[in-house]
Every structure is written in structure tokens, then in C-alpha cells.
Amino acid sequence: MPRKLKMNELNRLDVAGFKASKKAPIVLILDNIRSALNVGSAFRTADAFKIANIGLCGITAQPPHREILKTALGASKSVDWQYFKETTDAIQHYKKEGYTILAVEQVKPSISLEDYQLKQNEKIALIFGNEVKGVSQEAVSLADAGLEIPQFGTKHSLNISVCVGIVVWEFYRKLYFD
């Protein structure tokens, strides 16, 4: 019969250990996210998968915002982040660092998430958009490709915190388990 593990059995890194560890070659670009709770969730996912960095853009809240802290549960202390006034500035920054820029958005043409083929040593920057407007057209235009999560119900989008979790897991899986 299964039993829950105790905290001391999880062998988790402390913040210093996290900072010193090798990171997945993935960054998140948050394009004008209006909910600080969603931002905190993105930090928590980034911590779980040792993401290299988060770019917070435009109106996106920055730590130590109360609502970020509420959902991040400390991850805003472990995950490195930068603020960019414009999402286009973040895209240019990560392009200069050699990242492939992928807009997670319903665009034409798009690549279905499961079909994206990582190249050897490829670094990925994933743009996630505003809860109402999605990824801005300016950001989409600067992206190397559009990435879409297949959906089969009546709704046409997912909450950003859910979307970040799905996409980051899929890239992490491709990097380390395929």
C-alpha cells in the first residue's frame, strides 16, 4: 500500500543548492500577465523543473508581490528572473543568448506541442501571453515559431498556469527522458 513521503524523504535542494545546480536550457517569457497568482504559479513550475530564467514583461507583476509569494511558495527566491519593460526587449535579449523563441499561442502556422523536435543543444524560450489577449502580435512576429497545445473541448484556451505546466513538462521530458 502506498504512503506519502515525509518532507525529509524528498531530498529537495535548498535555495543555494538550486542556484548552484545545472539548469534546464529553458526560459519563460511572461508577456503582460495580469494575474500575479499566475506569475507565482509559473515560478513554482520553473523551480520544479530547474528552469534557467523567467523574463517578466510589461504589466507582469514582479516579486515580492504578495500574490506571487502566495502561489510561488518560495520559488521566487530560487528561480532567477529579469524584468523587461517590453516583451520585444526580452525576446531580443534571449535571442542574443542563443535561444530559439517559441510563442505558445494559436497561430498560423503552428507546431503542435507533441510534434516539436528539439535540436541537439537547443535552448528554448517559451512566450506565454496575457490571460485575455494571449501573446501579443509583436511577440508572435519576432518568434521563431508558434507552438500550440492540442485541445479537444469547447474552450479555445487554457489558464496560463496550466499551460506553463503542460509545455514545460513536455520540453523537460524531451530533454531528459526521450
N, C-alpha and C. Protein backbone atom coordinates (compact mmCIF):
# COMPACT_ATOMS: atom_id res chain seq x y z
N MET A 1 0.84 -1.18 0.00
CA MET A 1 0.00 0.00 0.00
C MET A 1 0.89 1.24 0.00
N PRO A 2 0.61 2.24 -0.86
CA PRO A 2 1.44 3.44 -0.89
C PRO A 2 1.28 4.28 0.37
N ARG A 3 2.31 5.06 0.66
CA ARG A 3 2.24 6.03 1.75
C ARG A 3 2.90 7.32 1.28
N LYS A 4 2.42 8.42 1.82
CA LYS A 4 3.00 9.71 1.50
C LYS A 4 4.41 9.80 2.07
N LEU A 5 5.30 10.39 1.29
CA LEU A 5 6.65 10.62 1.78
C LEU A 5 6.66 11.81 2.73
N LYS A 6 7.55 11.74 3.70
CA LYS A 6 7.75 12.87 4.61
C LYS A 6 8.68 13.87 3.93
N MET A 7 8.63 15.13 4.35
CA MET A 7 9.43 16.18 3.73
C MET A 7 10.92 15.82 3.70
N ASN A 8 11.43 15.21 4.78
CA ASN A 8 12.86 14.87 4.81
C ASN A 8 13.21 13.71 3.89
N GLU A 9 12.23 13.01 3.36
CA GLU A 9 12.47 11.91 2.43
C GLU A 9 12.49 12.38 0.97
N LEU A 10 12.12 13.63 0.71
CA LEU A 10 12.03 14.13 -0.66
C LEU A 10 13.39 14.54 -1.25
N ASN A 11 14.37 14.74 -0.40
CA ASN A 11 15.72 15.10 -0.85
C ASN A 11 15.72 16.32 -1.77
N ARG A 12 14.99 17.34 -1.43
CA ARG A 12 14.91 18.56 -2.23
C ARG A 12 16.11 19.45 -1.99
N LEU A 13 16.45 20.21 -3.01
CA LEU A 13 17.53 21.19 -2.90
C LEU A 13 17.09 22.35 -2.02
N ASP A 14 18.05 22.97 -1.34
CA ASP A 14 17.74 24.25 -0.71
C ASP A 14 18.00 25.33 -1.77
N VAL A 15 17.73 26.60 -1.45
CA VAL A 15 17.87 27.67 -2.44
C VAL A 15 19.31 27.75 -2.95
N ALA A 16 20.28 27.66 -2.08
CA ALA A 16 21.68 27.73 -2.52
C ALA A 16 22.03 26.56 -3.44
N GLY A 17 21.56 25.37 -3.10
CA GLY A 17 21.79 24.21 -3.95
C GLY A 17 21.12 24.36 -5.31
N PHE A 18 19.91 24.92 -5.31
CA PHE A 18 19.20 25.17 -6.56
C PHE A 18 19.99 26.16 -7.43
N LYS A 19 20.42 27.26 -6.82
CA LYS A 19 21.16 28.30 -7.56
C LYS A 19 22.43 27.73 -8.18
N ALA A 20 23.09 26.80 -7.48
CA ALA A 20 24.35 26.23 -7.95
C ALA A 20 24.16 25.09 -8.96
N SER A 21 22.94 24.56 -9.06
CA SER A 21 22.71 23.39 -9.91
C SER A 21 22.63 23.75 -11.39
N LYS A 22 22.87 22.76 -12.23
CA LYS A 22 22.73 22.93 -13.67
C LYS A 22 21.24 23.07 -13.99
N LYS A 23 20.90 24.04 -14.82
CA LYS A 23 19.50 24.32 -15.16
C LYS A 23 19.14 23.73 -16.52
N ALA A 24 17.86 23.47 -16.69
CA ALA A 24 17.35 23.07 -17.99
C ALA A 24 17.50 24.27 -18.93
N PRO A 25 17.83 24.04 -20.19
CA PRO A 25 18.03 25.15 -21.13
C PRO A 25 16.71 25.73 -21.65
N ILE A 26 15.89 26.14 -20.70
CA ILE A 26 14.55 26.66 -20.99
C ILE A 26 14.37 27.95 -20.19
N VAL A 27 13.82 28.97 -20.84
CA VAL A 27 13.41 30.18 -20.13
C VAL A 27 11.94 30.45 -20.44
N LEU A 28 11.29 31.16 -19.54
CA LEU A 28 9.91 31.57 -19.74
C LEU A 28 9.89 33.07 -19.95
N ILE A 29 9.11 33.51 -20.92
CA ILE A 29 8.87 34.93 -21.14
C ILE A 29 7.38 35.15 -20.88
N LEU A 30 7.06 35.94 -19.86
CA LEU A 30 5.67 36.19 -19.50
C LEU A 30 5.26 37.55 -20.05
N ASP A 31 4.42 37.51 -21.06
CA ASP A 31 4.02 38.68 -21.85
C ASP A 31 2.77 39.33 -21.26
N ASN A 32 2.98 40.33 -20.40
CA ASN A 32 1.87 41.11 -19.84
C ASN A 32 0.81 40.27 -19.14
N ILE A 33 1.27 39.44 -18.22
CA ILE A 33 0.36 38.59 -17.44
C ILE A 33 -0.30 39.47 -16.37
N ARG A 34 -1.62 39.46 -16.34
CA ARG A 34 -2.32 40.37 -15.42
C ARG A 34 -2.49 39.80 -14.02
N SER A 35 -2.46 38.49 -13.84
CA SER A 35 -2.66 37.88 -12.53
C SER A 35 -1.33 37.51 -11.89
N ALA A 36 -1.04 38.13 -10.75
CA ALA A 36 0.17 37.78 -10.02
C ALA A 36 0.13 36.34 -9.51
N LEU A 37 -1.08 35.81 -9.30
CA LEU A 37 -1.20 34.40 -8.90
C LEU A 37 -0.68 33.49 -10.01
N ASN A 38 -0.97 33.83 -11.27
CA ASN A 38 -0.44 33.05 -12.39
C ASN A 38 1.08 33.18 -12.48
N VAL A 39 1.59 34.34 -12.19
CA VAL A 39 3.04 34.55 -12.19
C VAL A 39 3.69 33.67 -11.12
N GLY A 40 3.11 33.65 -9.93
CA GLY A 40 3.63 32.80 -8.87
C GLY A 40 3.61 31.33 -9.25
N SER A 41 2.56 30.91 -9.93
CA SER A 41 2.48 29.51 -10.39
C SER A 41 3.57 29.21 -11.41
N ALA A 42 3.86 30.18 -12.29
CA ALA A 42 4.94 29.99 -13.26
C ALA A 42 6.29 29.84 -12.54
N PHE A 43 6.50 30.63 -11.49
CA PHE A 43 7.73 30.49 -10.70
C PHE A 43 7.82 29.10 -10.09
N ARG A 44 6.72 28.62 -9.57
CA ARG A 44 6.73 27.31 -8.91
C ARG A 44 7.02 26.19 -9.90
N THR A 45 6.44 26.28 -11.11
CA THR A 45 6.74 25.30 -12.16
C THR A 45 8.20 25.41 -12.58
N ALA A 46 8.69 26.64 -12.73
CA ALA A 46 10.09 26.85 -13.11
C ALA A 46 11.04 26.24 -12.09
N ASP A 47 10.70 26.35 -10.81
CA ASP A 47 11.51 25.74 -9.76
C ASP A 47 11.46 24.22 -9.86
N ALA A 48 10.28 23.67 -10.06
CA ALA A 48 10.12 22.22 -10.11
C ALA A 48 10.96 21.57 -11.20
N PHE A 49 11.15 22.28 -12.32
CA PHE A 49 11.88 21.72 -13.45
C PHE A 49 13.23 22.40 -13.69
N LYS A 50 13.72 23.15 -12.70
CA LYS A 50 15.02 23.83 -12.76
C LYS A 50 15.18 24.62 -14.06
N ILE A 51 14.22 25.48 -14.32
CA ILE A 51 14.26 26.35 -15.49
C ILE A 51 15.32 27.43 -15.28
N ALA A 52 16.00 27.82 -16.35
CA ALA A 52 17.13 28.74 -16.26
C ALA A 52 16.74 30.14 -15.81
N ASN A 53 15.58 30.66 -16.27
CA ASN A 53 15.28 32.07 -16.02
C ASN A 53 13.84 32.36 -16.42
N ILE A 54 13.29 33.42 -15.84
CA ILE A 54 11.98 33.92 -16.25
C ILE A 54 12.13 35.39 -16.60
N GLY A 55 11.60 35.78 -17.76
CA GLY A 55 11.53 37.18 -18.15
C GLY A 55 10.13 37.69 -17.87
N LEU A 56 10.01 38.67 -17.00
CA LEU A 56 8.72 39.27 -16.64
C LEU A 56 8.58 40.56 -17.45
N CYS A 57 7.51 40.67 -18.23
CA CYS A 57 7.41 41.76 -19.20
C CYS A 57 6.17 42.61 -19.00
N GLY A 58 6.34 43.91 -19.24
CA GLY A 58 5.21 44.84 -19.24
C GLY A 58 4.53 44.91 -17.88
N ILE A 59 3.21 44.64 -17.87
CA ILE A 59 2.42 44.75 -16.64
C ILE A 59 2.57 43.55 -15.71
N THR A 60 3.34 42.55 -16.12
CA THR A 60 3.53 41.35 -15.30
C THR A 60 4.13 41.74 -13.95
N ALA A 61 3.49 41.30 -12.88
CA ALA A 61 3.97 41.61 -11.53
C ALA A 61 5.34 41.00 -11.28
N GLN A 62 6.08 41.61 -10.36
CA GLN A 62 7.41 41.16 -10.01
C GLN A 62 7.46 40.83 -8.51
N PRO A 63 8.29 39.83 -8.14
CA PRO A 63 8.47 39.59 -6.71
C PRO A 63 9.05 40.83 -6.04
N PRO A 64 8.68 41.08 -4.81
CA PRO A 64 7.97 40.24 -3.85
C PRO A 64 6.48 40.53 -3.75
N HIS A 65 5.80 40.64 -4.83
CA HIS A 65 4.35 40.88 -4.83
C HIS A 65 3.66 39.81 -3.97
N ARG A 66 2.72 40.23 -3.15
CA ARG A 66 2.04 39.34 -2.20
C ARG A 66 1.41 38.12 -2.88
N GLU A 67 0.73 38.33 -4.02
CA GLU A 67 0.06 37.21 -4.69
C GLU A 67 1.05 36.27 -5.37
N ILE A 68 2.18 36.79 -5.82
CA ILE A 68 3.22 35.90 -6.36
C ILE A 68 3.72 35.00 -5.24
N LEU A 69 4.01 35.59 -4.10
CA LEU A 69 4.54 34.82 -2.97
C LEU A 69 3.55 33.75 -2.52
N LYS A 70 2.26 34.05 -2.63
CA LYS A 70 1.21 33.12 -2.19
C LYS A 70 1.24 31.82 -3.00
N THR A 71 1.43 31.92 -4.31
CA THR A 71 1.41 30.70 -5.14
C THR A 71 2.80 30.16 -5.43
N ALA A 72 3.83 31.00 -5.38
CA ALA A 72 5.19 30.55 -5.66
C ALA A 72 5.76 29.71 -4.51
N LEU A 73 5.28 29.93 -3.31
CA LEU A 73 5.75 29.20 -2.12
C LEU A 73 7.27 29.17 -2.02
N GLY A 74 7.92 30.31 -2.24
CA GLY A 74 9.37 30.41 -2.11
C GLY A 74 10.13 30.30 -3.41
N ALA A 75 9.48 29.88 -4.48
CA ALA A 75 10.18 29.68 -5.75
C ALA A 75 10.71 30.98 -6.35
N SER A 76 10.13 32.11 -5.96
CA SER A 76 10.65 33.38 -6.48
C SER A 76 12.02 33.72 -5.88
N LYS A 77 12.42 32.99 -4.85
CA LYS A 77 13.77 33.16 -4.29
C LYS A 77 14.78 32.25 -4.98
N SER A 78 14.33 31.13 -5.51
CA SER A 78 15.26 30.19 -6.14
C SER A 78 15.43 30.44 -7.63
N VAL A 79 14.38 30.79 -8.33
CA VAL A 79 14.43 30.96 -9.79
C VAL A 79 14.88 32.38 -10.14
N ASP A 80 15.90 32.47 -10.99
CA ASP A 80 16.36 33.78 -11.46
C ASP A 80 15.33 34.40 -12.40
N TRP A 81 15.19 35.71 -12.32
CA TRP A 81 14.24 36.41 -13.17
C TRP A 81 14.78 37.79 -13.51
N GLN A 82 14.23 38.34 -14.59
CA GLN A 82 14.57 39.69 -15.03
C GLN A 82 13.29 40.38 -15.44
N TYR A 83 13.26 41.70 -15.28
CA TYR A 83 12.12 42.48 -15.75
C TYR A 83 12.49 43.20 -17.04
N PHE A 84 11.57 43.18 -17.99
CA PHE A 84 11.70 43.89 -19.25
C PHE A 84 10.47 44.77 -19.44
N LYS A 85 10.67 46.03 -19.75
CA LYS A 85 9.54 46.93 -19.95
C LYS A 85 8.68 46.45 -21.12
N GLU A 86 9.32 45.96 -22.15
CA GLU A 86 8.62 45.48 -23.35
C GLU A 86 8.97 44.01 -23.59
N THR A 87 7.98 43.23 -24.00
CA THR A 87 8.22 41.82 -24.31
C THR A 87 9.22 41.69 -25.45
N THR A 88 9.17 42.62 -26.40
CA THR A 88 10.11 42.58 -27.52
C THR A 88 11.56 42.71 -27.03
N ASP A 89 11.78 43.46 -25.96
CA ASP A 89 13.13 43.58 -25.38
C ASP A 89 13.59 42.23 -24.83
N ALA A 90 12.69 41.52 -24.17
CA ALA A 90 13.02 40.19 -23.64
C ALA A 90 13.36 39.23 -24.78
N ILE A 91 12.57 39.26 -25.83
CA ILE A 91 12.81 38.37 -26.97
C ILE A 91 14.19 38.65 -27.56
N GLN A 92 14.50 39.92 -27.78
CA GLN A 92 15.82 40.27 -28.33
C GLN A 92 16.94 39.83 -27.39
N HIS A 93 16.74 40.00 -26.08
CA HIS A 93 17.74 39.59 -25.09
C HIS A 93 18.02 38.09 -25.20
N TYR A 94 16.97 37.28 -25.20
CA TYR A 94 17.16 35.83 -25.24
C TYR A 94 17.65 35.36 -26.60
N LYS A 95 17.27 36.03 -27.67
CA LYS A 95 17.81 35.69 -29.00
C LYS A 95 19.32 35.88 -29.01
N LYS A 96 19.79 36.98 -28.43
CA LYS A 96 21.24 37.24 -28.36
C LYS A 96 21.96 36.17 -27.55
N GLU A 97 21.25 35.56 -26.61
CA GLU A 97 21.84 34.48 -25.80
C GLU A 97 21.70 33.12 -26.49
N GLY A 98 21.17 33.10 -27.70
CA GLY A 98 21.11 31.87 -28.49
C GLY A 98 19.88 31.02 -28.30
N TYR A 99 18.83 31.58 -27.74
CA TYR A 99 17.60 30.82 -27.53
C TYR A 99 16.74 30.82 -28.79
N THR A 100 16.08 29.69 -29.05
CA THR A 100 15.01 29.61 -30.04
C THR A 100 13.77 30.13 -29.34
N ILE A 101 13.07 31.06 -29.97
CA ILE A 101 11.91 31.71 -29.36
C ILE A 101 10.63 31.06 -29.88
N LEU A 102 9.83 30.53 -28.97
CA LEU A 102 8.57 29.87 -29.33
C LEU A 102 7.41 30.58 -28.64
N ALA A 103 6.48 31.09 -29.43
CA ALA A 103 5.27 31.70 -28.88
C ALA A 103 4.25 30.59 -28.66
N VAL A 104 3.82 30.40 -27.43
CA VAL A 104 2.81 29.39 -27.12
C VAL A 104 1.47 30.09 -27.35
N GLU A 105 0.95 29.86 -28.55
CA GLU A 105 -0.22 30.62 -28.99
C GLU A 105 -0.84 29.91 -30.19
N GLN A 106 -2.09 30.18 -30.42
CA GLN A 106 -2.78 29.66 -31.60
C GLN A 106 -2.48 30.61 -32.76
N VAL A 107 -1.56 30.18 -33.62
CA VAL A 107 -1.11 31.00 -34.75
C VAL A 107 -1.12 30.16 -36.02
N LYS A 108 -0.97 30.84 -37.13
CA LYS A 108 -0.88 30.14 -38.40
C LYS A 108 0.44 30.53 -39.04
N PRO A 109 1.33 29.62 -39.34
CA PRO A 109 1.25 28.19 -39.00
C PRO A 109 1.71 27.96 -37.56
N SER A 110 1.33 26.83 -37.00
CA SER A 110 1.80 26.47 -35.67
C SER A 110 2.31 25.03 -35.68
N ILE A 111 3.09 24.71 -34.67
CA ILE A 111 3.58 23.36 -34.47
C ILE A 111 2.86 22.81 -33.25
N SER A 112 2.28 21.64 -33.38
CA SER A 112 1.63 21.01 -32.24
C SER A 112 2.70 20.61 -31.22
N LEU A 113 2.44 20.84 -29.96
CA LEU A 113 3.42 20.62 -28.89
C LEU A 113 4.12 19.27 -29.00
N GLU A 114 3.37 18.22 -29.24
CA GLU A 114 3.99 16.89 -29.26
C GLU A 114 4.87 16.68 -30.49
N ASP A 115 4.70 17.51 -31.52
CA ASP A 115 5.48 17.36 -32.75
C ASP A 115 6.77 18.16 -32.78
N TYR A 116 6.97 19.05 -31.81
CA TYR A 116 8.19 19.87 -31.83
C TYR A 116 9.41 18.98 -31.62
N GLN A 117 10.36 19.09 -32.51
CA GLN A 117 11.59 18.29 -32.44
C GLN A 117 12.74 19.17 -31.95
N LEU A 118 13.22 18.89 -30.76
CA LEU A 118 14.37 19.63 -30.22
C LEU A 118 15.63 19.28 -30.99
N LYS A 119 16.41 20.30 -31.29
CA LYS A 119 17.71 20.08 -31.90
C LYS A 119 18.73 19.86 -30.77
N GLN A 120 19.83 19.21 -31.10
CA GLN A 120 20.86 18.97 -30.09
C GLN A 120 21.37 20.30 -29.55
N ASN A 121 21.46 20.41 -28.24
CA ASN A 121 21.95 21.61 -27.54
C ASN A 121 21.09 22.85 -27.75
N GLU A 122 19.84 22.67 -28.18
CA GLU A 122 18.95 23.82 -28.40
C GLU A 122 18.49 24.39 -27.06
N LYS A 123 18.51 25.71 -26.99
CA LYS A 123 17.98 26.42 -25.82
C LYS A 123 16.64 27.03 -26.25
N ILE A 124 15.63 26.88 -25.40
CA ILE A 124 14.26 27.27 -25.75
C ILE A 124 13.76 28.39 -24.84
N ALA A 125 13.19 29.43 -25.46
CA ALA A 125 12.49 30.48 -24.72
C ALA A 125 11.02 30.38 -25.10
N LEU A 126 10.18 30.18 -24.11
CA LEU A 126 8.74 29.99 -24.32
C LEU A 126 8.00 31.25 -23.91
N ILE A 127 7.24 31.83 -24.84
CA ILE A 127 6.46 33.03 -24.53
C ILE A 127 5.04 32.61 -24.18
N PHE A 128 4.58 33.06 -23.02
CA PHE A 128 3.20 32.83 -22.59
C PHE A 128 2.52 34.19 -22.48
N GLY A 129 1.28 34.27 -22.97
CA GLY A 129 0.63 35.56 -23.10
C GLY A 129 -0.42 35.88 -22.06
N ASN A 130 -0.88 37.11 -22.16
CA ASN A 130 -1.92 37.68 -21.32
C ASN A 130 -3.15 36.77 -21.30
N GLU A 131 -3.80 36.71 -20.14
CA GLU A 131 -4.95 35.83 -19.94
C GLU A 131 -6.11 36.12 -20.88
N VAL A 132 -6.26 37.34 -21.35
CA VAL A 132 -7.36 37.69 -22.25
C VAL A 132 -6.90 37.80 -23.70
N LYS A 133 -5.79 38.50 -23.92
CA LYS A 133 -5.33 38.80 -25.28
C LYS A 133 -4.33 37.80 -25.84
N GLY A 134 -3.78 36.95 -24.99
CA GLY A 134 -2.79 35.99 -25.45
C GLY A 134 -1.44 36.66 -25.68
N VAL A 135 -0.57 35.98 -26.42
CA VAL A 135 0.74 36.52 -26.77
C VAL A 135 0.52 37.65 -27.77
N SER A 136 1.15 38.80 -27.55
CA SER A 136 0.97 39.94 -28.44
C SER A 136 1.44 39.63 -29.85
N GLN A 137 0.84 40.28 -30.83
CA GLN A 137 1.25 40.07 -32.22
C GLN A 137 2.71 40.48 -32.42
N GLU A 138 3.16 41.52 -31.72
CA GLU A 138 4.57 41.92 -31.84
C GLU A 138 5.49 40.78 -31.41
N ALA A 139 5.13 40.12 -30.33
CA ALA A 139 5.94 39.00 -29.85
C ALA A 139 5.85 37.81 -30.80
N VAL A 140 4.65 37.52 -31.28
CA VAL A 140 4.47 36.42 -32.23
C VAL A 140 5.32 36.67 -33.48
N SER A 141 5.34 37.91 -33.95
CA SER A 141 6.08 38.24 -35.17
C SER A 141 7.59 38.05 -34.99
N LEU A 142 8.10 38.21 -33.77
CA LEU A 142 9.53 38.04 -33.52
C LEU A 142 9.91 36.60 -33.17
N ALA A 143 8.91 35.76 -32.91
CA ALA A 143 9.18 34.37 -32.52
C ALA A 143 9.68 33.58 -33.72
N ASP A 144 10.45 32.53 -33.42
CA ASP A 144 10.93 31.63 -34.47
C ASP A 144 9.84 30.68 -34.94
N ALA A 145 8.86 30.43 -34.06
CA ALA A 145 7.74 29.55 -34.41
C ALA A 145 6.64 29.72 -33.38
N GLY A 146 5.45 29.25 -33.76
CA GLY A 146 4.32 29.21 -32.85
C GLY A 146 4.10 27.78 -32.41
N LEU A 147 3.84 27.61 -31.14
CA LEU A 147 3.65 26.29 -30.56
C LEU A 147 2.24 26.23 -29.99
N GLU A 148 1.53 25.15 -30.29
CA GLU A 148 0.14 25.05 -29.87
C GLU A 148 -0.10 23.74 -29.12
N ILE A 149 -0.84 23.84 -28.01
CA ILE A 149 -1.26 22.65 -27.28
C ILE A 149 -2.57 22.16 -27.91
N PRO A 150 -2.63 20.92 -28.36
CA PRO A 150 -3.89 20.42 -28.92
C PRO A 150 -4.99 20.44 -27.85
N GLN A 151 -6.17 20.87 -28.26
CA GLN A 151 -7.31 20.92 -27.35
C GLN A 151 -8.52 20.34 -28.07
N PHE A 152 -9.41 19.70 -27.32
CA PHE A 152 -10.48 18.95 -27.95
C PHE A 152 -11.87 19.28 -27.42
N GLY A 153 -11.97 20.21 -26.50
CA GLY A 153 -13.26 20.56 -25.92
C GLY A 153 -13.86 21.79 -26.57
N THR A 154 -14.75 22.44 -25.85
CA THR A 154 -15.44 23.62 -26.38
C THR A 154 -14.68 24.91 -26.15
N LYS A 155 -13.77 24.94 -25.20
CA LYS A 155 -12.99 26.14 -24.91
C LYS A 155 -11.80 26.21 -25.86
N HIS A 156 -11.31 27.42 -26.04
CA HIS A 156 -10.23 27.63 -27.00
C HIS A 156 -8.91 28.00 -26.35
N SER A 157 -8.85 27.90 -25.03
CA SER A 157 -7.60 28.25 -24.36
C SER A 157 -7.54 27.56 -23.00
N LEU A 158 -6.34 27.60 -22.43
CA LEU A 158 -6.10 27.08 -21.09
C LEU A 158 -5.61 28.23 -20.21
N ASN A 159 -5.84 28.12 -18.91
CA ASN A 159 -5.27 29.09 -17.99
C ASN A 159 -3.75 29.04 -18.13
N ILE A 160 -3.10 30.20 -18.03
CA ILE A 160 -1.65 30.25 -18.23
C ILE A 160 -0.90 29.33 -17.27
N SER A 161 -1.34 29.21 -16.03
CA SER A 161 -0.61 28.36 -15.09
C SER A 161 -0.67 26.89 -15.53
N VAL A 162 -1.78 26.47 -16.07
CA VAL A 162 -1.92 25.11 -16.60
C VAL A 162 -1.06 24.96 -17.85
N CYS A 163 -1.14 25.94 -18.72
CA CYS A 163 -0.38 25.93 -19.97
C CYS A 163 1.12 25.83 -19.71
N VAL A 164 1.62 26.64 -18.78
CA VAL A 164 3.05 26.60 -18.44
C VAL A 164 3.43 25.20 -17.97
N GLY A 165 2.63 24.62 -17.11
CA GLY A 165 2.94 23.28 -16.60
C GLY A 165 3.00 22.24 -17.70
N ILE A 166 2.03 22.26 -18.60
CA ILE A 166 1.99 21.27 -19.69
C ILE A 166 3.20 21.44 -20.61
N VAL A 167 3.46 22.66 -21.05
CA VAL A 167 4.53 22.89 -22.02
C VAL A 167 5.90 22.64 -21.40
N VAL A 168 6.13 23.13 -20.20
CA VAL A 168 7.43 22.92 -19.56
C VAL A 168 7.67 21.42 -19.35
N TRP A 169 6.67 20.70 -18.88
CA TRP A 169 6.85 19.25 -18.69
C TRP A 169 7.21 18.58 -20.01
N GLU A 170 6.51 18.93 -21.08
CA GLU A 170 6.78 18.29 -22.37
C GLU A 170 8.21 18.56 -22.84
N PHE A 171 8.69 19.78 -22.67
CA PHE A 171 10.07 20.06 -23.07
C PHE A 171 11.06 19.39 -22.14
N TYR A 172 10.78 19.37 -20.86
CA TYR A 172 11.66 18.68 -19.90
C TYR A 172 11.73 17.19 -20.24
N ARG A 173 10.58 16.62 -20.54
CA ARG A 173 10.52 15.20 -20.91
C ARG A 173 11.36 14.94 -22.15
N LYS A 174 11.24 15.80 -23.16
CA LYS A 174 12.00 15.63 -24.40
C LYS A 174 13.51 15.78 -24.14
N LEU A 175 13.88 16.69 -23.25
CA LEU A 175 15.28 16.91 -22.95
C LEU A 175 15.92 15.75 -22.19
N TYR A 176 15.20 15.22 -21.22
CA TYR A 176 15.82 14.30 -20.27
C TYR A 176 15.30 12.86 -20.29
N PHE A 177 14.20 12.59 -20.98
CA PHE A 177 13.64 11.24 -20.94
C PHE A 177 13.48 10.60 -22.31
N ASP A 178 13.61 11.36 -23.38
CA ASP A 178 13.50 10.76 -24.73
C ASP A 178 14.81 10.19 -25.19
